[in-house]
Amino acid sequence: MSYTRLFIQVKCEPGFADEVGAQIVDQIDEVLEVYSTTGSYDLLVKAKLADVQKMAPIVQGKLHKIGHIRETNTFLSFSVFGRDIGEFVS
């Protein structure tokens, strides 16, 4: 089965990025990874979709119900180029 990758930038209320990131991973099964980022958004969420029609239930039905989220910005991936870089060093 092929999957579509869904990327979601998440802007959190100040001081809540770690809590929100942990809740996203714990509460949304489709989420593969959540990254803490610099810039205008606090988190970058990577999820997999078996069906593009499942995007609204994930974003609106699950993600938007998590507290302390101010804003989201959602992208679908058409293709992957290159190779996975593996584990990040924390």
N, C-alpha and C. Protein backbone atom coordinates (compact mmCIF):
# COMPACT_ATOMS: atom_id res chain seq x y z
N MET A 1 0.84 -1.18 0.00
CA MET A 1 0.00 0.00 0.00
C MET A 1 0.89 1.24 0.00
N SER A 2 0.55 2.20 -0.81
CA SER A 2 1.32 3.46 -0.81
C SER A 2 0.61 4.48 0.06
N TYR A 3 1.41 5.34 0.65
CA TYR A 3 0.90 6.37 1.55
C TYR A 3 1.27 7.75 1.02
N THR A 4 0.44 8.72 1.33
CA THR A 4 0.75 10.12 1.08
C THR A 4 1.27 10.69 2.39
N ARG A 5 2.33 11.49 2.30
CA ARG A 5 2.86 12.14 3.48
C ARG A 5 2.16 13.47 3.69
N LEU A 6 1.77 13.71 4.91
CA LEU A 6 1.12 14.95 5.32
C LEU A 6 2.06 15.67 6.27
N PHE A 7 2.33 16.94 6.00
CA PHE A 7 3.18 17.75 6.87
C PHE A 7 2.33 18.89 7.41
N ILE A 8 2.42 19.12 8.71
CA ILE A 8 1.62 20.17 9.35
C ILE A 8 2.53 21.01 10.23
N GLN A 9 2.58 22.31 9.94
CA GLN A 9 3.28 23.23 10.82
C GLN A 9 2.30 23.64 11.90
N VAL A 10 2.79 23.69 13.14
CA VAL A 10 1.93 24.01 14.28
C VAL A 10 2.52 25.17 15.05
N LYS A 11 1.72 26.21 15.25
CA LYS A 11 2.11 27.35 16.09
C LYS A 11 1.38 27.18 17.42
N CYS A 12 2.15 27.17 18.51
CA CYS A 12 1.60 26.94 19.85
C CYS A 12 1.56 28.22 20.66
N GLU A 13 0.77 28.20 21.71
CA GLU A 13 0.83 29.28 22.69
C GLU A 13 2.22 29.23 23.33
N PRO A 14 2.79 30.39 23.68
CA PRO A 14 4.14 30.41 24.27
C PRO A 14 4.27 29.47 25.46
N GLY A 15 5.36 28.68 25.44
CA GLY A 15 5.66 27.78 26.54
C GLY A 15 5.00 26.42 26.47
N PHE A 16 4.23 26.14 25.42
CA PHE A 16 3.49 24.88 25.35
C PHE A 16 3.92 23.95 24.23
N ALA A 17 4.98 24.26 23.50
CA ALA A 17 5.37 23.44 22.35
C ALA A 17 5.69 22.00 22.75
N ASP A 18 6.44 21.80 23.83
CA ASP A 18 6.79 20.43 24.24
C ASP A 18 5.54 19.64 24.62
N GLU A 19 4.65 20.25 25.37
CA GLU A 19 3.42 19.58 25.77
C GLU A 19 2.56 19.23 24.56
N VAL A 20 2.41 20.18 23.64
CA VAL A 20 1.60 19.94 22.44
C VAL A 20 2.22 18.85 21.59
N GLY A 21 3.53 18.89 21.40
CA GLY A 21 4.20 17.86 20.61
C GLY A 21 3.99 16.47 21.18
N ALA A 22 4.11 16.34 22.49
CA ALA A 22 3.90 15.04 23.14
C ALA A 22 2.46 14.57 22.98
N GLN A 23 1.51 15.49 23.10
CA GLN A 23 0.10 15.12 22.94
C GLN A 23 -0.20 14.67 21.51
N ILE A 24 0.39 15.35 20.54
CA ILE A 24 0.17 14.97 19.13
C ILE A 24 0.63 13.54 18.90
N VAL A 25 1.83 13.21 19.37
CA VAL A 25 2.37 11.85 19.19
C VAL A 25 1.50 10.82 19.92
N ASP A 26 1.05 11.14 21.12
CA ASP A 26 0.26 10.21 21.92
C ASP A 26 -1.16 10.01 21.41
N GLN A 27 -1.76 11.06 20.82
CA GLN A 27 -3.18 11.01 20.50
C GLN A 27 -3.52 10.77 19.04
N ILE A 28 -2.56 10.91 18.14
CA ILE A 28 -2.87 10.77 16.71
C ILE A 28 -2.03 9.64 16.12
N ASP A 29 -2.68 8.51 15.87
CA ASP A 29 -1.99 7.30 15.41
C ASP A 29 -1.27 7.48 14.07
N GLU A 30 -1.80 8.34 13.22
CA GLU A 30 -1.22 8.53 11.89
C GLU A 30 0.09 9.32 11.91
N VAL A 31 0.41 9.95 13.03
CA VAL A 31 1.61 10.76 13.14
C VAL A 31 2.84 9.86 13.25
N LEU A 32 3.82 10.13 12.39
CA LEU A 32 5.07 9.39 12.39
C LEU A 32 6.11 10.07 13.26
N GLU A 33 6.20 11.41 13.15
CA GLU A 33 7.22 12.17 13.87
C GLU A 33 6.72 13.59 14.11
N VAL A 34 7.23 14.20 15.17
CA VAL A 34 6.99 15.61 15.44
C VAL A 34 8.35 16.24 15.73
N TYR A 35 8.66 17.32 15.03
CA TYR A 35 9.94 18.01 15.20
C TYR A 35 9.70 19.37 15.83
N SER A 36 10.55 19.76 16.75
CA SER A 36 10.58 21.11 17.28
C SER A 36 11.40 21.93 16.28
N THR A 37 10.89 23.10 15.87
CA THR A 37 11.55 23.86 14.81
C THR A 37 11.75 25.32 15.19
N THR A 38 12.62 25.99 14.44
CA THR A 38 12.77 27.43 14.56
C THR A 38 11.86 28.08 13.53
N GLY A 39 11.69 29.39 13.62
CA GLY A 39 10.90 30.11 12.63
C GLY A 39 9.52 30.47 13.16
N SER A 40 8.62 30.69 12.25
CA SER A 40 7.27 31.17 12.59
C SER A 40 6.41 30.12 13.28
N TYR A 41 6.73 28.85 13.07
CA TYR A 41 5.96 27.76 13.68
C TYR A 41 6.85 27.02 14.67
N ASP A 42 6.24 26.43 15.68
CA ASP A 42 6.97 25.75 16.74
C ASP A 42 7.25 24.27 16.46
N LEU A 43 6.33 23.63 15.73
CA LEU A 43 6.43 22.20 15.49
C LEU A 43 6.18 21.87 14.03
N LEU A 44 6.81 20.79 13.57
CA LEU A 44 6.53 20.24 12.25
C LEU A 44 6.11 18.80 12.45
N VAL A 45 4.89 18.49 12.05
CA VAL A 45 4.31 17.15 12.23
C VAL A 45 4.36 16.43 10.89
N LYS A 46 4.83 15.18 10.92
CA LYS A 46 4.84 14.33 9.73
C LYS A 46 3.89 13.18 9.99
N ALA A 47 2.92 13.00 9.11
CA ALA A 47 1.93 11.94 9.25
C ALA A 47 1.79 11.19 7.93
N LYS A 48 1.21 10.02 8.00
CA LYS A 48 0.97 9.26 6.77
C LYS A 48 -0.53 9.08 6.56
N LEU A 49 -0.91 9.16 5.30
CA LEU A 49 -2.32 9.00 4.93
C LEU A 49 -2.44 7.87 3.92
N ALA A 50 -3.29 6.90 4.20
CA ALA A 50 -3.59 5.85 3.23
C ALA A 50 -4.57 6.39 2.19
N ASP A 51 -5.32 7.41 2.58
CA ASP A 51 -6.35 8.01 1.74
C ASP A 51 -6.40 9.51 2.02
N VAL A 52 -6.30 10.32 0.99
CA VAL A 52 -6.29 11.78 1.15
C VAL A 52 -7.59 12.26 1.82
N GLN A 53 -8.65 11.52 1.66
CA GLN A 53 -9.92 11.89 2.29
C GLN A 53 -9.84 11.84 3.82
N LYS A 54 -8.80 11.21 4.36
CA LYS A 54 -8.62 11.12 5.81
C LYS A 54 -7.94 12.37 6.38
N MET A 55 -7.53 13.30 5.51
CA MET A 55 -6.81 14.48 5.99
C MET A 55 -7.68 15.33 6.91
N ALA A 56 -8.90 15.64 6.54
CA ALA A 56 -9.76 16.47 7.38
C ALA A 56 -10.03 15.84 8.74
N PRO A 57 -10.34 14.54 8.83
CA PRO A 57 -10.53 13.96 10.15
C PRO A 57 -9.28 14.02 11.03
N ILE A 58 -8.11 13.95 10.43
CA ILE A 58 -6.87 14.03 11.22
C ILE A 58 -6.63 15.46 11.68
N VAL A 59 -6.68 16.41 10.74
CA VAL A 59 -6.36 17.80 11.06
C VAL A 59 -7.47 18.44 11.88
N GLN A 60 -8.68 18.40 11.38
CA GLN A 60 -9.79 19.07 12.06
C GLN A 60 -10.36 18.25 13.20
N GLY A 61 -10.42 16.94 13.03
CA GLY A 61 -11.04 16.09 14.03
C GLY A 61 -10.15 15.71 15.19
N LYS A 62 -8.84 15.68 14.97
CA LYS A 62 -7.92 15.26 16.03
C LYS A 62 -6.98 16.39 16.44
N LEU A 63 -6.21 16.91 15.50
CA LEU A 63 -5.18 17.91 15.83
C LEU A 63 -5.77 19.18 16.42
N HIS A 64 -6.80 19.71 15.80
CA HIS A 64 -7.38 20.98 16.26
C HIS A 64 -8.07 20.86 17.62
N LYS A 65 -8.26 19.66 18.11
CA LYS A 65 -8.87 19.47 19.43
C LYS A 65 -7.83 19.48 20.55
N ILE A 66 -6.55 19.48 20.19
CA ILE A 66 -5.49 19.53 21.20
C ILE A 66 -5.33 20.97 21.66
N GLY A 67 -5.27 21.18 22.95
CA GLY A 67 -5.19 22.53 23.50
C GLY A 67 -3.86 23.21 23.23
N HIS A 68 -3.87 24.53 23.32
CA HIS A 68 -2.69 25.39 23.22
C HIS A 68 -2.13 25.49 21.80
N ILE A 69 -2.93 25.12 20.79
CA ILE A 69 -2.52 25.31 19.40
C ILE A 69 -3.18 26.59 18.90
N ARG A 70 -2.36 27.50 18.38
CA ARG A 70 -2.87 28.77 17.87
C ARG A 70 -3.20 28.71 16.38
N GLU A 71 -2.38 27.98 15.63
CA GLU A 71 -2.50 28.01 14.16
C GLU A 71 -1.83 26.77 13.57
N THR A 72 -2.35 26.31 12.42
CA THR A 72 -1.71 25.22 11.68
C THR A 72 -1.61 25.59 10.21
N ASN A 73 -0.67 24.97 9.53
CA ASN A 73 -0.46 25.14 8.10
C ASN A 73 -0.16 23.75 7.55
N THR A 74 -0.97 23.28 6.62
CA THR A 74 -0.92 21.88 6.18
C THR A 74 -0.45 21.74 4.74
N PHE A 75 0.41 20.73 4.50
CA PHE A 75 0.95 20.43 3.17
C PHE A 75 0.84 18.94 2.90
N LEU A 76 0.59 18.59 1.64
CA LEU A 76 0.68 17.20 1.18
C LEU A 76 1.94 17.06 0.34
N SER A 77 2.58 15.91 0.44
CA SER A 77 3.79 15.63 -0.34
C SER A 77 3.42 14.84 -1.59
N PHE A 78 3.94 15.28 -2.74
CA PHE A 78 3.73 14.55 -3.99
C PHE A 78 4.77 13.45 -4.16
N SER A 79 6.03 13.76 -3.84
CA SER A 79 7.14 12.84 -4.06
C SER A 79 8.19 13.01 -2.98
N VAL A 80 9.04 11.99 -2.85
CA VAL A 80 10.18 12.04 -1.94
C VAL A 80 11.44 11.96 -2.79
N PHE A 81 12.38 12.85 -2.54
CA PHE A 81 13.66 12.85 -3.23
C PHE A 81 14.76 12.59 -2.22
N GLY A 82 15.76 11.84 -2.59
CA GLY A 82 16.87 11.57 -1.68
C GLY A 82 16.54 10.42 -0.74
N ARG A 83 17.34 10.32 0.33
CA ARG A 83 17.19 9.24 1.29
C ARG A 83 16.94 9.80 2.67
N ASP A 84 16.35 8.98 3.51
CA ASP A 84 16.14 9.35 4.90
C ASP A 84 17.49 9.50 5.56
N ILE A 85 17.66 10.56 6.37
CA ILE A 85 18.95 10.80 7.02
C ILE A 85 19.09 10.03 8.32
N GLY A 86 18.05 9.33 8.73
CA GLY A 86 18.14 8.51 9.94
C GLY A 86 17.86 9.28 11.21
N GLU A 87 18.37 8.76 12.30
CA GLU A 87 18.13 9.33 13.62
C GLU A 87 18.81 10.68 13.78
N PHE A 88 18.12 11.61 14.41
CA PHE A 88 18.73 12.88 14.79
C PHE A 88 19.44 12.70 16.12
N VAL A 89 20.46 13.49 16.32
CA VAL A 89 21.15 13.50 17.61
C VAL A 89 20.46 14.52 18.47
N SER A 90 20.06 14.12 19.68
CA SER A 90 19.35 15.07 20.54
C SER A 90 20.30 15.78 21.48
